Amino acid sequence: MKPRVSLQDSALRNGNFSLSIAPVRSEDAGLYEAQVKYKTEVHSCHVELGVITVTLSPPNPVIKSELLLMSCNSSHRASLVETCWFHKEHLGSTSRTFCSLSGTLSILHPAMSDAGSWCCQLRYSDKEIISAAFNLQILGFDGPTNPVVYAAAGSAAD
């Protein structure tokens, strides 16, 4: 897993033997064990890493008006009950919510208003809820629907 894995050597003296993985990949999911040996004592802990994957087709950035498929999957073992997608146009306000049984959301003609923060939330049969956020980028123009713009002589036109 090198060079994506690191230990903070300075924190080891304080009893912090955390492992950092960046960036996390879907194949990193699984059970991890840490062992610390000090003199005759052995301490260990087990941590399970679950990974959630958001896939865009075509990949980010998306061209305006092209078919967009967004899928969300997790390494969680229980059966998936529902997938919900949340689009946040402005910070703190959720503008749209889409829920389905599958993990895929289709947007037939993405617009500039579809850009921004999205969150997929997976709900499982064991009551576990897992979510991931990502930023969707749309390439295109967000101008007037009428291609003719009038401006007074001597003023600025945008």
Protein backbone atom coordinates (compact mmCIF):
# COMPACT_ATOMS: atom_id res chain seq x y z
CA MET A 1 0.00 0.00 0.00
CA LYS A 2 3.04 2.28 -0.04
CA PRO A 3 3.19 5.29 -0.52
CA ARG A 4 -0.50 5.75 0.49
CA VAL A 5 0.05 4.54 4.06
CA SER A 6 1.76 6.40 6.87
CA LEU A 7 2.37 6.22 10.61
CA GLN A 8 3.08 9.30 12.69
CA ASP A 9 6.34 8.34 14.39
CA SER A 10 6.16 11.29 16.78
CA ALA A 11 2.74 10.13 18.06
CA LEU A 12 3.94 6.57 18.80
CA ARG A 13 5.67 7.73 22.01
CA ASN A 14 2.30 9.06 23.26
CA GLY A 15 0.56 5.74 22.61
CA ASN A 16 -1.05 6.79 19.30
CA PHE A 17 -0.33 4.10 16.71
CA SER A 18 -2.85 5.31 14.12
CA LEU A 19 -2.53 4.26 10.51
CA SER A 20 -3.37 6.81 7.81
CA ILE A 21 -4.41 5.76 4.29
CA ALA A 22 -4.74 8.40 1.60
CA PRO A 23 -6.33 8.08 -0.83
CA VAL A 24 -8.53 5.16 0.23
CA ARG A 25 -9.37 2.65 -2.53
CA SER A 26 -12.23 0.15 -2.62
CA GLU A 27 -9.76 -2.75 -2.31
CA ASP A 28 -8.59 -1.33 1.05
CA ALA A 29 -11.86 -2.45 2.70
CA GLY A 30 -11.46 -5.16 5.30
CA LEU A 31 -10.24 -5.98 8.79
CA TYR A 32 -7.04 -4.37 10.08
CA GLU A 33 -5.08 -5.43 13.16
CA ALA A 34 -2.58 -3.31 15.06
CA GLN A 35 -0.12 -4.86 17.51
CA VAL A 36 2.08 -2.96 19.91
CA LYS A 37 4.79 -4.81 21.83
CA TYR A 38 6.30 -3.14 24.86
CA LYS A 39 8.79 -5.19 26.89
CA THR A 40 6.83 -8.40 27.62
CA GLU A 41 3.35 -6.97 26.97
CA VAL A 42 1.48 -7.22 23.67
CA HIS A 43 -1.53 -5.02 22.99
CA SER A 44 -3.66 -5.35 19.90
CA CYS A 45 -6.79 -3.87 18.40
CA HIS A 46 -8.94 -4.70 15.39
CA VAL A 47 -10.57 -2.10 13.13
CA GLU A 48 -12.79 -2.80 10.15
CA LEU A 49 -12.50 -0.32 7.30
CA GLY A 50 -15.61 0.07 5.19
CA VAL A 51 -15.38 1.87 1.87
CA ILE A 52 -18.10 3.71 -0.02
CA THR A 53 -17.57 4.41 -3.72
CA VAL A 54 -19.29 7.07 -5.81
CA THR A 55 -18.93 6.54 -9.57
CA LEU A 56 -19.86 8.99 -12.32
CA SER A 57 -20.40 8.02 -15.93
CA PRO A 58 -19.03 9.95 -17.75
CA PRO A 59 -16.36 10.89 -15.15
CA ASN A 60 -16.22 14.31 -13.47
CA PRO A 61 -16.40 16.98 -14.92
CA VAL A 62 -19.61 16.27 -16.83
CA ILE A 63 -20.54 18.07 -20.05
CA LYS A 64 -23.88 19.87 -19.92
CA SER A 65 -26.79 17.98 -21.59
CA GLU A 66 -24.92 14.61 -21.72
CA LEU A 67 -26.57 11.62 -20.02
CA LEU A 68 -25.19 11.33 -16.48
CA LEU A 69 -25.27 8.17 -14.34
CA MET A 70 -24.25 8.43 -10.68
CA SER A 71 -23.86 5.21 -8.69
CA CYS A 72 -23.08 4.63 -5.04
CA ASN A 73 -21.79 1.34 -3.59
CA SER A 74 -20.40 0.22 -0.26
CA SER A 75 -18.40 -2.68 1.11
CA HIS A 76 -21.08 -3.19 3.81
CA ARG A 77 -22.25 -6.83 3.90
CA ALA A 78 -25.96 -6.44 4.73
CA SER A 79 -28.54 -6.18 1.95
CA LEU A 80 -29.24 -2.72 0.55
CA VAL A 81 -32.75 -1.44 1.29
CA GLU A 82 -32.67 2.06 -0.21
CA THR A 83 -30.36 4.62 -1.79
CA CYS A 84 -31.11 8.33 -1.45
CA TRP A 85 -29.38 11.16 -3.28
CA PHE A 86 -29.38 14.71 -1.89
CA HIS A 87 -28.38 17.75 -3.91
CA LYS A 88 -27.38 20.86 -2.00
CA GLU A 89 -27.28 23.93 -4.25
CA HIS A 90 -26.64 26.33 -1.41
CA LEU A 91 -24.89 25.65 1.88
CA GLY A 92 -27.37 24.37 4.47
CA SER A 93 -30.36 23.97 2.14
CA THR A 94 -31.27 20.73 0.40
CA SER A 95 -32.91 21.49 -2.91
CA ARG A 96 -33.67 18.00 -4.23
CA THR A 97 -33.89 14.44 -2.89
CA PHE A 98 -34.13 11.23 -4.96
CA CYS A 99 -34.61 7.76 -3.43
CA SER A 100 -34.59 4.36 -5.14
CA LEU A 101 -33.95 0.68 -4.52
CA SER A 102 -30.88 0.63 -6.75
CA GLY A 103 -27.78 2.71 -6.12
CA THR A 104 -27.90 4.51 -9.47
CA LEU A 105 -29.31 7.94 -10.30
CA SER A 106 -29.82 9.00 -13.95
CA ILE A 107 -29.93 12.63 -15.04
CA LEU A 108 -30.96 12.74 -18.70
CA HIS A 109 -29.92 16.34 -19.44
CA PRO A 110 -27.63 17.69 -16.70
CA ALA A 111 -27.82 21.47 -16.34
CA MET A 112 -25.55 23.95 -14.62
CA SER A 113 -27.97 23.89 -11.67
CA ASP A 114 -27.05 20.19 -11.13
CA ALA A 115 -23.48 21.17 -10.25
CA GLY A 116 -22.41 21.37 -6.62
CA SER A 117 -22.53 19.24 -3.52
CA TRP A 118 -24.22 15.82 -3.76
CA CYS A 119 -24.58 13.19 -1.06
CA CYS A 120 -25.55 9.54 -1.49
CA GLN A 121 -27.01 7.76 1.51
CA LEU A 122 -27.23 3.97 1.64
CA ARG A 123 -29.68 2.33 4.07
CA TYR A 124 -29.19 -1.38 4.86
CA SER A 125 -31.37 -4.16 6.30
CA ASP A 126 -29.34 -4.15 9.56
CA LYS A 127 -30.36 -0.48 10.10
CA GLU A 128 -26.87 0.77 9.15
CA ILE A 129 -26.86 4.09 7.24
CA ILE A 130 -23.73 5.02 5.29
CA SER A 131 -23.22 8.21 3.29
CA ALA A 132 -20.64 9.94 1.12
CA ALA A 133 -20.46 13.48 -0.27
CA PHE A 134 -18.84 14.68 -3.47
CA ASN A 135 -18.73 17.78 -5.64
CA LEU A 136 -20.22 17.47 -9.14
CA GLN A 137 -18.73 19.72 -11.80
CA ILE A 138 -20.68 20.54 -14.97
CA LEU A 139 -18.97 22.04 -18.03
CA GLY A 140 -21.22 24.39 -19.99
CA PHE A 141 -22.67 27.85 -20.17
CA ASP A 142 -25.30 29.18 -17.79
CA GLY A 143 -26.61 32.15 -19.70
CA PRO A 144 -29.93 33.56 -20.80
CA THR A 145 -32.36 31.27 -22.63
CA ASN A 146 -32.82 34.02 -25.23
CA PRO A 147 -29.51 34.49 -27.10
CA VAL A 148 -30.16 38.22 -27.68
CA VAL A 149 -29.11 40.62 -24.92
CA TYR A 150 -29.72 44.37 -25.15
CA ALA A 151 -27.55 46.97 -23.45
CA ALA A 152 -27.69 50.73 -23.48
CA ALA A 153 -24.91 52.46 -25.41
CA GLY A 154 -22.20 53.55 -23.03
CA SER A 155 -23.08 50.92 -20.36
CA ALA A 156 -21.57 47.51 -19.63
CA ALA A 157 -23.05 44.26 -20.94
CA ASP A 158 -22.61 40.87 -19.25
